[in-house]
Amino acid sequence: MTDMAFNDRSTPLTLLTTRRSGKPRDLIAPGPRPDELAQMLGIAARTPDHGKLAPWRFVIVPAEARGRLAEVITTAYRAERPQAGATEIAALEQFAHQAPDLVVVLSSPRTESHIPLWEQELSAGAACMNLLHAVHAMGYAGGWLTGWPAFSDAVRDAFGAAPERIVGFVFIGTPGRPLDERPRPDMGRIVSTWNG
């Protein structure tokens, strides 16, 4: 575990109110040890889940497989966009090599269930958020990205099959620079009271 003070872990509430994402390109070693990553994923799995379906999966992409992931992504991109330039391809290759650790989170709906698909997809998103909270609680930083690779069926097929979908690529590591605080929404604009 790192000893950086980018998140105040003195109480659960201060941890939640100081959590912020790290840009995957700025995340450096060390990443979590295998036992720490396993604990993070266990926490991620403790998410609201109507029907106890576990309609999500986590796929760890180890460092030695990142080159293969870059190949999968760039091959799929070239097949869809044959006119792609070298700059686009280089950015996609770089995408696969960010941060020390990478977890691909998949929505894995149970189509035979009476639980609505939307609820199952919301649970998958909540699993990603729980993973980010666990990452920060253990002293690391995480970044949840989607982008073109998350919406490519060919990239998804490297990890699963329809009706599964990639919820996101969660990159994990140690911040290589101070984390930015982003503007937060005006609570008066997003919170209201309904009186019937």
N, C-alpha and C. Protein backbone atom coordinates (compact mmCIF):
# COMPACT_ATOMS: atom_id res chain seq x y z
N MET A 1 0.85 -1.18 0.00
CA MET A 1 0.00 0.00 0.00
C MET A 1 0.89 1.23 0.00
N THR A 2 0.49 2.25 -0.72
CA THR A 2 1.28 3.47 -0.79
C THR A 2 1.00 4.35 0.42
N ASP A 3 1.86 5.32 0.63
CA ASP A 3 1.73 6.21 1.78
C ASP A 3 1.40 7.63 1.34
N MET A 4 0.72 7.77 0.20
CA MET A 4 0.41 9.10 -0.31
C MET A 4 -0.86 9.62 0.35
N ALA A 5 -0.92 10.90 0.56
CA ALA A 5 -2.06 11.50 1.24
C ALA A 5 -3.04 12.16 0.28
N PHE A 6 -3.17 11.63 -0.93
CA PHE A 6 -4.09 12.26 -1.88
C PHE A 6 -5.53 12.01 -1.51
N ASN A 7 -5.81 11.02 -0.69
CA ASN A 7 -7.14 10.79 -0.16
C ASN A 7 -7.04 10.72 1.35
N ASP A 8 -7.93 11.39 2.03
CA ASP A 8 -7.96 11.36 3.49
C ASP A 8 -8.71 10.11 3.91
N ARG A 9 -8.00 9.16 4.48
CA ARG A 9 -8.61 7.89 4.88
C ARG A 9 -8.90 7.85 6.37
N SER A 10 -8.95 9.02 7.02
CA SER A 10 -9.13 9.03 8.48
C SER A 10 -10.51 8.55 8.90
N THR A 11 -11.51 8.77 8.06
CA THR A 11 -12.85 8.25 8.34
C THR A 11 -13.47 7.83 7.01
N PRO A 12 -14.47 6.96 7.04
CA PRO A 12 -15.12 6.59 5.78
C PRO A 12 -15.69 7.79 5.03
N LEU A 13 -16.27 8.75 5.73
CA LEU A 13 -16.87 9.89 5.05
C LEU A 13 -15.82 10.79 4.41
N THR A 14 -14.70 11.01 5.10
CA THR A 14 -13.68 11.85 4.47
C THR A 14 -13.08 11.14 3.27
N LEU A 15 -12.97 9.82 3.33
CA LEU A 15 -12.48 9.08 2.16
C LEU A 15 -13.43 9.29 0.98
N LEU A 16 -14.72 9.14 1.22
CA LEU A 16 -15.71 9.30 0.15
C LEU A 16 -15.73 10.72 -0.41
N THR A 17 -15.58 11.70 0.45
CA THR A 17 -15.65 13.09 -0.02
C THR A 17 -14.35 13.56 -0.66
N THR A 18 -13.27 12.82 -0.51
CA THR A 18 -12.00 13.23 -1.14
C THR A 18 -11.60 12.33 -2.30
N ARG A 19 -12.39 11.30 -2.61
CA ARG A 19 -12.04 10.39 -3.71
C ARG A 19 -12.06 11.13 -5.03
N ARG A 20 -11.07 10.89 -5.83
CA ARG A 20 -11.06 11.43 -7.17
C ARG A 20 -10.30 10.48 -8.08
N SER A 21 -10.58 10.57 -9.35
CA SER A 21 -9.98 9.66 -10.31
C SER A 21 -8.58 10.12 -10.69
N GLY A 22 -7.75 9.14 -11.01
CA GLY A 22 -6.43 9.43 -11.56
C GLY A 22 -6.47 9.20 -13.06
N LYS A 23 -5.77 10.03 -13.81
CA LYS A 23 -5.68 9.81 -15.26
C LYS A 23 -4.81 8.58 -15.48
N PRO A 24 -5.32 7.57 -16.17
CA PRO A 24 -4.54 6.34 -16.35
C PRO A 24 -3.13 6.57 -16.89
N ARG A 25 -2.96 7.55 -17.77
CA ARG A 25 -1.63 7.80 -18.33
C ARG A 25 -0.65 8.31 -17.27
N ASP A 26 -1.17 8.83 -16.14
CA ASP A 26 -0.32 9.37 -15.07
C ASP A 26 -0.13 8.38 -13.93
N LEU A 27 -0.68 7.18 -14.02
CA LEU A 27 -0.56 6.19 -12.95
C LEU A 27 0.70 5.36 -13.18
N ILE A 28 1.51 5.26 -12.15
CA ILE A 28 2.81 4.59 -12.24
C ILE A 28 2.89 3.48 -11.19
N ALA A 29 3.98 2.71 -11.25
CA ALA A 29 4.23 1.68 -10.25
C ALA A 29 4.62 2.37 -8.94
N PRO A 30 4.32 1.72 -7.82
CA PRO A 30 3.76 0.38 -7.74
C PRO A 30 2.24 0.37 -7.88
N GLY A 31 1.78 -0.75 -8.43
CA GLY A 31 0.35 -1.04 -8.42
C GLY A 31 0.08 -1.96 -7.24
N PRO A 32 -1.15 -2.34 -7.06
CA PRO A 32 -1.47 -3.24 -5.94
C PRO A 32 -0.83 -4.61 -6.11
N ARG A 33 -0.49 -5.20 -4.98
CA ARG A 33 -0.02 -6.60 -4.98
C ARG A 33 -1.20 -7.49 -5.36
N PRO A 34 -0.95 -8.72 -5.79
CA PRO A 34 -2.07 -9.61 -6.16
C PRO A 34 -3.10 -9.78 -5.04
N ASP A 35 -2.66 -9.87 -3.80
CA ASP A 35 -3.62 -10.02 -2.70
C ASP A 35 -4.44 -8.75 -2.50
N GLU A 36 -3.83 -7.59 -2.74
CA GLU A 36 -4.57 -6.33 -2.64
C GLU A 36 -5.59 -6.21 -3.76
N LEU A 37 -5.19 -6.59 -4.97
CA LEU A 37 -6.12 -6.54 -6.10
C LEU A 37 -7.29 -7.49 -5.86
N ALA A 38 -7.01 -8.67 -5.31
CA ALA A 38 -8.08 -9.63 -5.00
C ALA A 38 -9.04 -9.04 -3.98
N GLN A 39 -8.51 -8.34 -2.99
CA GLN A 39 -9.37 -7.70 -1.99
C GLN A 39 -10.21 -6.60 -2.63
N MET A 40 -9.61 -5.81 -3.51
CA MET A 40 -10.36 -4.76 -4.21
C MET A 40 -11.52 -5.34 -4.99
N LEU A 41 -11.28 -6.46 -5.69
CA LEU A 41 -12.33 -7.08 -6.48
C LEU A 41 -13.42 -7.67 -5.59
N GLY A 42 -13.02 -8.19 -4.43
CA GLY A 42 -14.02 -8.69 -3.48
C GLY A 42 -14.93 -7.58 -2.99
N ILE A 43 -14.34 -6.40 -2.77
CA ILE A 43 -15.14 -5.24 -2.37
C ILE A 43 -16.03 -4.78 -3.53
N ALA A 44 -15.49 -4.79 -4.74
CA ALA A 44 -16.28 -4.40 -5.90
C ALA A 44 -17.52 -5.28 -6.06
N ALA A 45 -17.39 -6.55 -5.72
CA ALA A 45 -18.50 -7.49 -5.86
C ALA A 45 -19.59 -7.30 -4.81
N ARG A 46 -19.31 -6.49 -3.78
CA ARG A 46 -20.31 -6.21 -2.74
C ARG A 46 -21.15 -5.00 -3.17
N THR A 47 -21.83 -5.17 -4.27
CA THR A 47 -22.58 -4.06 -4.86
C THR A 47 -24.07 -4.40 -4.88
N PRO A 48 -24.95 -3.41 -4.93
CA PRO A 48 -26.37 -3.72 -5.04
C PRO A 48 -26.62 -4.62 -6.25
N ASP A 49 -27.40 -5.65 -6.04
CA ASP A 49 -27.56 -6.68 -7.07
C ASP A 49 -28.92 -7.34 -6.89
N HIS A 50 -29.95 -6.73 -7.49
CA HIS A 50 -31.31 -7.25 -7.39
C HIS A 50 -31.35 -8.68 -7.95
N GLY A 51 -31.80 -9.60 -7.15
CA GLY A 51 -31.91 -11.00 -7.56
C GLY A 51 -30.66 -11.82 -7.31
N LYS A 52 -29.62 -11.18 -6.76
CA LYS A 52 -28.35 -11.89 -6.48
C LYS A 52 -27.83 -12.61 -7.72
N LEU A 53 -27.79 -11.89 -8.83
CA LEU A 53 -27.41 -12.48 -10.11
C LEU A 53 -25.92 -12.36 -10.42
N ALA A 54 -25.23 -11.42 -9.75
CA ALA A 54 -23.84 -11.09 -10.11
C ALA A 54 -23.74 -10.89 -11.63
N PRO A 55 -24.46 -9.90 -12.16
CA PRO A 55 -24.50 -9.71 -13.62
C PRO A 55 -23.31 -8.90 -14.15
N TRP A 56 -22.13 -9.24 -13.70
CA TRP A 56 -20.89 -8.57 -14.09
C TRP A 56 -19.74 -9.53 -13.86
N ARG A 57 -18.64 -9.24 -14.56
CA ARG A 57 -17.41 -10.03 -14.40
C ARG A 57 -16.23 -9.08 -14.43
N PHE A 58 -15.15 -9.53 -13.82
CA PHE A 58 -13.90 -8.77 -13.79
C PHE A 58 -12.83 -9.59 -14.50
N VAL A 59 -12.14 -9.00 -15.45
CA VAL A 59 -11.06 -9.68 -16.16
C VAL A 59 -9.78 -8.89 -15.92
N ILE A 60 -8.83 -9.49 -15.24
CA ILE A 60 -7.53 -8.86 -14.99
C ILE A 60 -6.67 -9.05 -16.24
N VAL A 61 -6.08 -7.96 -16.70
CA VAL A 61 -5.17 -8.03 -17.85
C VAL A 61 -3.76 -7.77 -17.31
N PRO A 62 -2.97 -8.83 -17.14
CA PRO A 62 -1.63 -8.65 -16.56
C PRO A 62 -0.68 -7.92 -17.51
N ALA A 63 0.41 -7.43 -16.96
CA ALA A 63 1.37 -6.64 -17.74
C ALA A 63 1.84 -7.39 -18.98
N GLU A 64 2.07 -8.68 -18.85
CA GLU A 64 2.59 -9.45 -19.98
C GLU A 64 1.55 -9.66 -21.09
N ALA A 65 0.28 -9.32 -20.83
CA ALA A 65 -0.76 -9.46 -21.85
C ALA A 65 -1.14 -8.12 -22.48
N ARG A 66 -0.54 -7.03 -22.04
CA ARG A 66 -0.92 -5.72 -22.55
C ARG A 66 -0.58 -5.55 -24.03
N GLY A 67 0.53 -6.13 -24.48
CA GLY A 67 0.87 -6.06 -25.90
C GLY A 67 -0.18 -6.74 -26.75
N ARG A 68 -0.66 -7.87 -26.27
CA ARG A 68 -1.71 -8.60 -27.00
C ARG A 68 -3.01 -7.78 -27.01
N LEU A 69 -3.32 -7.13 -25.89
CA LEU A 69 -4.51 -6.28 -25.85
C LEU A 69 -4.38 -5.14 -26.86
N ALA A 70 -3.22 -4.52 -26.92
CA ALA A 70 -3.00 -3.45 -27.90
C ALA A 70 -3.22 -3.97 -29.32
N GLU A 71 -2.77 -5.17 -29.58
CA GLU A 71 -2.95 -5.78 -30.90
C GLU A 71 -4.43 -6.01 -31.20
N VAL A 72 -5.16 -6.53 -30.22
CA VAL A 72 -6.60 -6.76 -30.40
C VAL A 72 -7.31 -5.44 -30.71
N ILE A 73 -6.99 -4.41 -29.93
CA ILE A 73 -7.66 -3.11 -30.10
C ILE A 73 -7.32 -2.50 -31.46
N THR A 74 -6.05 -2.48 -31.81
CA THR A 74 -5.67 -1.83 -33.08
C THR A 74 -6.15 -2.61 -34.29
N THR A 75 -6.15 -3.94 -34.21
CA THR A 75 -6.66 -4.75 -35.32
C THR A 75 -8.15 -4.48 -35.52
N ALA A 76 -8.90 -4.43 -34.42
CA ALA A 76 -10.34 -4.16 -34.51
C ALA A 76 -10.59 -2.76 -35.07
N TYR A 77 -9.79 -1.81 -34.64
CA TYR A 77 -9.96 -0.43 -35.10
C TYR A 77 -9.68 -0.31 -36.59
N ARG A 78 -8.59 -0.94 -37.03
CA ARG A 78 -8.25 -0.89 -38.46
C ARG A 78 -9.32 -1.57 -39.31
N ALA A 79 -9.92 -2.65 -38.79
CA ALA A 79 -10.97 -3.34 -39.54
C ALA A 79 -12.20 -2.45 -39.70
N GLU A 80 -12.49 -1.66 -38.67
CA GLU A 80 -13.65 -0.78 -38.71
C GLU A 80 -13.35 0.53 -39.44
N ARG A 81 -12.11 0.98 -39.32
CA ARG A 81 -11.70 2.26 -39.91
C ARG A 81 -10.38 2.09 -40.66
N PRO A 82 -10.42 1.51 -41.84
CA PRO A 82 -9.19 1.23 -42.58
C PRO A 82 -8.38 2.48 -42.92
N GLN A 83 -8.99 3.64 -42.91
CA GLN A 83 -8.28 4.87 -43.22
C GLN A 83 -7.56 5.45 -42.00
N ALA A 84 -7.58 4.75 -40.85
CA ALA A 84 -6.97 5.26 -39.61
C ALA A 84 -5.50 5.60 -39.82
N GLY A 85 -5.11 6.73 -39.26
CA GLY A 85 -3.73 7.19 -39.37
C GLY A 85 -2.85 6.67 -38.25
N ALA A 86 -1.58 6.89 -38.40
CA ALA A 86 -0.59 6.41 -37.42
C ALA A 86 -0.81 7.00 -36.04
N THR A 87 -1.25 8.25 -35.96
CA THR A 87 -1.49 8.90 -34.67
C THR A 87 -2.62 8.22 -33.91
N GLU A 88 -3.70 7.89 -34.63
CA GLU A 88 -4.84 7.20 -33.99
C GLU A 88 -4.40 5.84 -33.47
N ILE A 89 -3.65 5.10 -34.28
CA ILE A 89 -3.21 3.76 -33.89
C ILE A 89 -2.27 3.84 -32.69
N ALA A 90 -1.37 4.81 -32.70
CA ALA A 90 -0.44 4.97 -31.57
C ALA A 90 -1.20 5.27 -30.28
N ALA A 91 -2.25 6.08 -30.36
CA ALA A 91 -3.04 6.39 -29.16
C ALA A 91 -3.73 5.15 -28.62
N LEU A 92 -4.22 4.30 -29.52
CA LEU A 92 -4.88 3.05 -29.08
C LEU A 92 -3.87 2.08 -28.48
N GLU A 93 -2.68 2.02 -29.05
CA GLU A 93 -1.63 1.18 -28.46
C GLU A 93 -1.28 1.67 -27.07
N GLN A 94 -1.14 2.98 -26.91
CA GLN A 94 -0.82 3.57 -25.61
C GLN A 94 -1.94 3.29 -24.60
N PHE A 95 -3.19 3.32 -25.06
CA PHE A 95 -4.34 3.04 -24.19
C PHE A 95 -4.15 1.71 -23.46
N ALA A 96 -3.71 0.70 -24.16
CA ALA A 96 -3.59 -0.64 -23.57
C ALA A 96 -2.44 -0.75 -22.57
N HIS A 97 -1.50 0.17 -22.62
CA HIS A 97 -0.30 0.06 -21.80
C HIS A 97 -0.28 1.02 -20.60
N GLN A 98 -1.39 1.66 -20.31
CA GLN A 98 -1.42 2.63 -19.20
C GLN A 98 -1.48 1.92 -17.85
N ALA A 99 -0.89 2.54 -16.84
CA ALA A 99 -1.00 2.13 -15.43
C ALA A 99 -0.45 0.73 -15.19
N PRO A 100 -0.03 0.45 -13.98
CA PRO A 100 0.50 -0.88 -13.67
C PRO A 100 -0.52 -2.01 -13.76
N ASP A 101 -1.78 -1.72 -13.39
CA ASP A 101 -2.80 -2.77 -13.36
C ASP A 101 -4.02 -2.35 -14.17
N LEU A 102 -4.67 -3.35 -14.74
CA LEU A 102 -5.87 -3.11 -15.54
C LEU A 102 -6.88 -4.20 -15.27
N VAL A 103 -8.10 -3.77 -14.97
CA VAL A 103 -9.23 -4.68 -14.81
C VAL A 103 -10.29 -4.27 -15.82
N VAL A 104 -10.70 -5.19 -16.67
CA VAL A 104 -11.79 -4.94 -17.61
C VAL A 104 -13.07 -5.44 -16.92
N VAL A 105 -14.03 -4.53 -16.78
CA VAL A 105 -15.30 -4.88 -16.14
C VAL A 105 -16.33 -5.08 -17.23
N LEU A 106 -16.98 -6.24 -17.16
CA LEU A 106 -18.00 -6.59 -18.16
C LEU A 106 -19.37 -6.67 -17.52
N SER A 107 -20.35 -6.09 -18.19
CA SER A 107 -21.75 -6.35 -17.85
C SER A 107 -22.05 -7.72 -18.42
N SER A 108 -22.51 -8.61 -17.55
CA SER A 108 -22.75 -9.99 -17.96
C SER A 108 -24.18 -10.37 -17.56
N PRO A 109 -25.16 -9.81 -18.28
CA PRO A 109 -26.56 -9.96 -17.86
C PRO A 109 -27.05 -11.40 -17.93
N ARG A 110 -27.93 -11.70 -17.02
CA ARG A 110 -28.60 -13.01 -16.99
C ARG A 110 -29.93 -12.82 -17.71
N THR A 111 -29.91 -13.11 -19.01
CA THR A 111 -31.09 -12.82 -19.83
C THR A 111 -32.29 -13.69 -19.48
N GLU A 112 -32.04 -14.82 -18.85
CA GLU A 112 -33.15 -15.70 -18.47
C GLU A 112 -33.88 -15.21 -17.22
N SER A 113 -33.31 -14.22 -16.54
CA SER A 113 -33.89 -13.73 -15.29
C SER A 113 -35.04 -12.76 -15.55
N HIS A 114 -35.94 -12.67 -14.57
CA HIS A 114 -37.02 -11.68 -14.65
C HIS A 114 -36.54 -10.29 -14.23
N ILE A 115 -35.32 -10.19 -13.71
CA ILE A 115 -34.78 -8.89 -13.30
C ILE A 115 -34.51 -8.08 -14.57
N PRO A 116 -35.03 -6.85 -14.66
CA PRO A 116 -34.85 -6.06 -15.88
C PRO A 116 -33.37 -5.87 -16.22
N LEU A 117 -33.08 -5.88 -17.52
CA LEU A 117 -31.72 -5.69 -18.00
C LEU A 117 -31.13 -4.39 -17.47
N TRP A 118 -31.93 -3.33 -17.45
CA TRP A 118 -31.44 -2.03 -16.98
C TRP A 118 -30.92 -2.13 -15.54
N GLU A 119 -31.62 -2.85 -14.67
CA GLU A 119 -31.16 -3.02 -13.29
C GLU A 119 -29.85 -3.79 -13.25
N GLN A 120 -29.71 -4.77 -14.11
CA GLN A 120 -28.47 -5.56 -14.15
C GLN A 120 -27.31 -4.68 -14.63
N GLU A 121 -27.58 -3.82 -15.61
CA GLU A 121 -26.52 -2.92 -16.10
C GLU A 121 -26.15 -1.88 -15.05
N LEU A 122 -27.14 -1.38 -14.32
CA LEU A 122 -26.83 -0.45 -13.23
C LEU A 122 -25.95 -1.12 -12.19
N SER A 123 -26.21 -2.38 -11.90
CA SER A 123 -25.39 -3.11 -10.93
C SER A 123 -23.95 -3.22 -11.40
N ALA A 124 -23.75 -3.43 -12.70
CA ALA A 124 -22.40 -3.50 -13.25
C ALA A 124 -21.68 -2.16 -13.09
N GLY A 125 -22.40 -1.06 -13.32
CA GLY A 125 -21.80 0.26 -13.11
C GLY A 125 -21.46 0.48 -11.64
N ALA A 126 -22.33 0.01 -10.75
CA ALA A 126 -22.06 0.14 -9.32
C ALA A 126 -20.83 -0.69 -8.92
N ALA A 127 -20.63 -1.83 -9.56
CA ALA A 127 -19.44 -2.64 -9.29
C ALA A 127 -18.17 -1.87 -9.67
N CYS A 128 -18.21 -1.15 -10.78
CA CYS A 128 -17.06 -0.31 -11.16
C CYS A 128 -16.80 0.76 -10.10
N MET A 129 -17.86 1.40 -9.63
CA MET A 129 -17.68 2.45 -8.62
C MET A 129 -17.15 1.87 -7.33
N ASN A 130 -17.66 0.70 -6.93
CA ASN A 130 -17.13 0.05 -5.72
C ASN A 130 -15.65 -0.27 -5.89
N LEU A 131 -15.26 -0.69 -7.09
CA LEU A 131 -13.85 -0.98 -7.34
C LEU A 131 -13.02 0.29 -7.16
N LEU A 132 -13.49 1.40 -7.71
CA LEU A 132 -12.74 2.65 -7.54
C LEU A 132 -12.65 3.06 -6.08
N HIS A 133 -13.73 2.87 -5.32
CA HIS A 133 -13.68 3.20 -3.89
C HIS A 133 -12.65 2.30 -3.18
N ALA A 134 -12.64 1.03 -3.51
CA ALA A 134 -11.68 0.12 -2.89
C ALA A 134 -10.24 0.49 -3.24
N VAL A 135 -10.02 0.85 -4.50
CA VAL A 135 -8.69 1.27 -4.95
C VAL A 135 -8.21 2.43 -4.10
N HIS A 136 -9.05 3.44 -3.92
CA HIS A 136 -8.66 4.61 -3.16
C HIS A 136 -8.52 4.32 -1.68
N ALA A 137 -9.40 3.49 -1.14
CA ALA A 137 -9.32 3.15 0.28
C ALA A 137 -8.02 2.44 0.61
N MET A 138 -7.44 1.76 -0.39
CA MET A 138 -6.20 1.03 -0.16
C MET A 138 -4.97 1.84 -0.56
N GLY A 139 -5.16 3.12 -0.86
CA GLY A 139 -4.04 4.02 -1.07
C GLY A 139 -3.53 4.14 -2.49
N TYR A 140 -4.28 3.67 -3.45
CA TYR A 140 -3.90 3.78 -4.85
C TYR A 140 -4.86 4.73 -5.56
N ALA A 141 -4.67 4.92 -6.84
CA ALA A 141 -5.60 5.72 -7.63
C ALA A 141 -6.09 4.87 -8.80
N GLY A 142 -7.30 5.16 -9.22
CA GLY A 142 -7.88 4.42 -10.34
C GLY A 142 -8.52 5.36 -11.33
N GLY A 143 -8.58 4.92 -12.56
CA GLY A 143 -9.26 5.67 -13.61
C GLY A 143 -10.13 4.72 -14.42
N TRP A 144 -11.39 5.06 -14.57
CA TRP A 144 -12.38 4.25 -15.29
C TRP A 144 -12.56 4.87 -16.67
N LEU A 145 -12.10 4.17 -17.71
CA LEU A 145 -12.21 4.66 -19.07
C LEU A 145 -13.12 3.76 -19.91
N THR A 146 -13.73 4.37 -20.90
CA THR A 146 -14.46 3.60 -21.91
C THR A 146 -13.78 3.90 -23.25
N GLY A 147 -14.28 4.87 -23.99
CA GLY A 147 -13.70 5.17 -25.29
C GLY A 147 -14.06 4.12 -26.32
N TRP A 148 -13.49 4.27 -27.50
CA TRP A 148 -13.84 3.39 -28.60
C TRP A 148 -13.70 1.90 -28.25
N PRO A 149 -12.64 1.47 -27.56
CA PRO A 149 -12.51 0.03 -27.29
C PRO A 149 -13.67 -0.58 -26.51
N ALA A 150 -14.31 0.21 -25.65
CA ALA A 150 -15.41 -0.32 -24.84
C ALA A 150 -16.65 -0.62 -25.67
N PHE A 151 -16.76 0.00 -26.84
CA PHE A 151 -17.96 -0.16 -27.66
C PHE A 151 -17.73 -1.03 -28.89
N SER A 152 -16.54 -1.60 -28.99
CA SER A 152 -16.22 -2.47 -30.11
C SER A 152 -16.59 -3.91 -29.79
N ASP A 153 -17.42 -4.51 -30.62
CA ASP A 153 -17.76 -5.92 -30.42
C ASP A 153 -16.52 -6.80 -30.53
N ALA A 154 -15.62 -6.46 -31.44
CA ALA A 154 -14.41 -7.27 -31.62
C ALA A 154 -13.53 -7.24 -30.37
N VAL A 155 -13.42 -6.07 -29.74
CA VAL A 155 -12.64 -5.99 -28.49
C VAL A 155 -13.39 -6.75 -27.40
N ARG A 156 -14.70 -6.56 -27.31
CA ARG A 156 -15.49 -7.29 -26.31
C ARG A 156 -15.32 -8.80 -26.48
N ASP A 157 -15.27 -9.27 -27.72
CA ASP A 157 -15.16 -10.70 -27.97
C ASP A 157 -13.85 -11.29 -27.48
N ALA A 158 -12.84 -10.45 -27.25
CA ALA A 158 -11.59 -10.94 -26.67
C ALA A 158 -11.77 -11.31 -25.21
N PHE A 159 -12.83 -10.79 -24.58
CA PHE A 159 -13.08 -11.02 -23.15
C PHE A 159 -14.34 -11.83 -22.87
N GLY A 160 -15.26 -11.85 -23.80
CA GLY A 160 -16.53 -12.52 -23.59
C GLY A 160 -17.32 -12.58 -24.88
N ALA A 161 -18.64 -12.57 -24.75
CA ALA A 161 -19.50 -12.66 -25.93
C ALA A 161 -20.82 -11.98 -25.62
N ALA A 162 -21.51 -11.56 -26.67
CA ALA A 162 -22.84 -10.96 -26.50
C ALA A 162 -23.73 -11.94 -25.73
N PRO A 163 -24.57 -11.45 -24.84
CA PRO A 163 -24.98 -10.06 -24.65
C PRO A 163 -24.07 -9.26 -23.71
N GLU A 164 -22.91 -9.80 -23.37
CA GLU A 164 -22.00 -9.05 -22.52
C GLU A 164 -21.56 -7.77 -23.22
N ARG A 165 -21.21 -6.78 -22.40
CA ARG A 165 -20.69 -5.51 -22.89
C ARG A 165 -19.58 -5.04 -21.96
N ILE A 166 -18.64 -4.31 -22.49
CA ILE A 166 -17.59 -3.76 -21.65
C ILE A 166 -18.13 -2.52 -20.94
N VAL A 167 -18.13 -2.56 -19.61
CA VAL A 167 -18.56 -1.42 -18.81
C VAL A 167 -17.43 -0.40 -18.74
N GLY A 168 -16.21 -0.90 -18.67
CA GLY A 168 -15.08 0.01 -18.63
C GLY A 168 -13.77 -0.70 -18.39
N PHE A 169 -12.72 0.04 -18.65
CA PHE A 169 -11.36 -0.38 -18.37
C PHE A 169 -10.95 0.38 -17.12
N VAL A 170 -10.69 -0.32 -16.02
CA VAL A 170 -10.31 0.34 -14.77
C VAL A 170 -8.81 0.17 -14.60
N PHE A 171 -8.10 1.28 -14.74
CA PHE A 171 -6.65 1.31 -14.61
C PHE A 171 -6.30 1.68 -13.17
N ILE A 172 -5.29 1.01 -12.61
CA ILE A 172 -4.96 1.17 -11.19
C ILE A 172 -3.46 1.34 -11.03
N GLY A 173 -3.07 2.27 -10.19
CA GLY A 173 -1.65 2.45 -9.90
C GLY A 173 -1.45 3.53 -8.86
N THR A 174 -0.24 4.05 -8.81
CA THR A 174 0.13 5.13 -7.91
C THR A 174 0.20 6.41 -8.72
N PRO A 175 -0.37 7.51 -8.20
CA PRO A 175 -0.30 8.75 -8.97
C PRO A 175 1.14 9.18 -9.21
N GLY A 176 1.46 9.50 -10.45
CA GLY A 176 2.78 10.00 -10.79
C GLY A 176 2.88 11.50 -10.63
N ARG A 177 1.74 12.14 -10.37
CA ARG A 177 1.69 13.58 -10.12
C ARG A 177 0.43 13.82 -9.29
N PRO A 178 0.31 14.99 -8.66
CA PRO A 178 -0.89 15.25 -7.85
C PRO A 178 -2.16 15.09 -8.67
N LEU A 179 -3.16 14.50 -8.05
CA LEU A 179 -4.44 14.31 -8.73
C LEU A 179 -5.19 15.63 -8.83
N ASP A 180 -5.82 15.85 -9.98
CA ASP A 180 -6.60 17.06 -10.18
C ASP A 180 -7.94 16.93 -9.49
N GLU A 181 -8.41 18.02 -8.91
CA GLU A 181 -9.78 18.09 -8.40
C GLU A 181 -10.61 18.70 -9.51
N ARG A 182 -11.63 17.98 -9.92
CA ARG A 182 -12.47 18.49 -11.00
C ARG A 182 -13.63 19.29 -10.45
N PRO A 183 -14.21 20.16 -11.24
CA PRO A 183 -15.39 20.89 -10.77
C PRO A 183 -16.53 19.91 -10.46
N ARG A 184 -17.19 20.15 -9.38
CA ARG A 184 -18.32 19.32 -8.97
C ARG A 184 -19.63 20.05 -9.28
N PRO A 185 -20.71 19.30 -9.47
CA PRO A 185 -21.98 19.97 -9.84
C PRO A 185 -22.52 20.83 -8.71
N ASP A 186 -23.27 21.84 -9.10
CA ASP A 186 -23.98 22.69 -8.15
C ASP A 186 -25.13 21.85 -7.58
N MET A 187 -25.08 21.59 -6.28
CA MET A 187 -26.08 20.72 -5.66
C MET A 187 -27.49 21.29 -5.77
N GLY A 188 -27.61 22.60 -5.79
CA GLY A 188 -28.92 23.22 -5.95
C GLY A 188 -29.53 22.94 -7.32
N ARG A 189 -28.69 22.63 -8.30
CA ARG A 189 -29.17 22.35 -9.64
C ARG A 189 -29.56 20.89 -9.82
N ILE A 190 -28.94 19.99 -9.04
CA ILE A 190 -29.18 18.57 -9.25
C ILE A 190 -30.00 17.89 -8.16
N VAL A 191 -30.32 18.62 -7.08
CA VAL A 191 -31.12 18.06 -5.99
C VAL A 191 -32.40 18.85 -5.87
N SER A 192 -33.51 18.15 -5.82
CA SER A 192 -34.80 18.82 -5.62
C SER A 192 -35.66 17.99 -4.68
N THR A 193 -36.74 18.56 -4.26
CA THR A 193 -37.70 17.86 -3.39
C THR A 193 -39.01 17.72 -4.15
N TRP A 194 -39.54 16.54 -4.14
CA TRP A 194 -40.82 16.28 -4.83
C TRP A 194 -41.92 16.30 -3.78
N ASN A 195 -42.94 17.09 -4.01
CA ASN A 195 -44.05 17.22 -3.06
C ASN A 195 -45.37 16.72 -3.62
N GLY A 196 -45.29 15.93 -4.68
CA GLY A 196 -46.50 15.33 -5.21
C GLY A 196 -47.28 16.18 -6.14
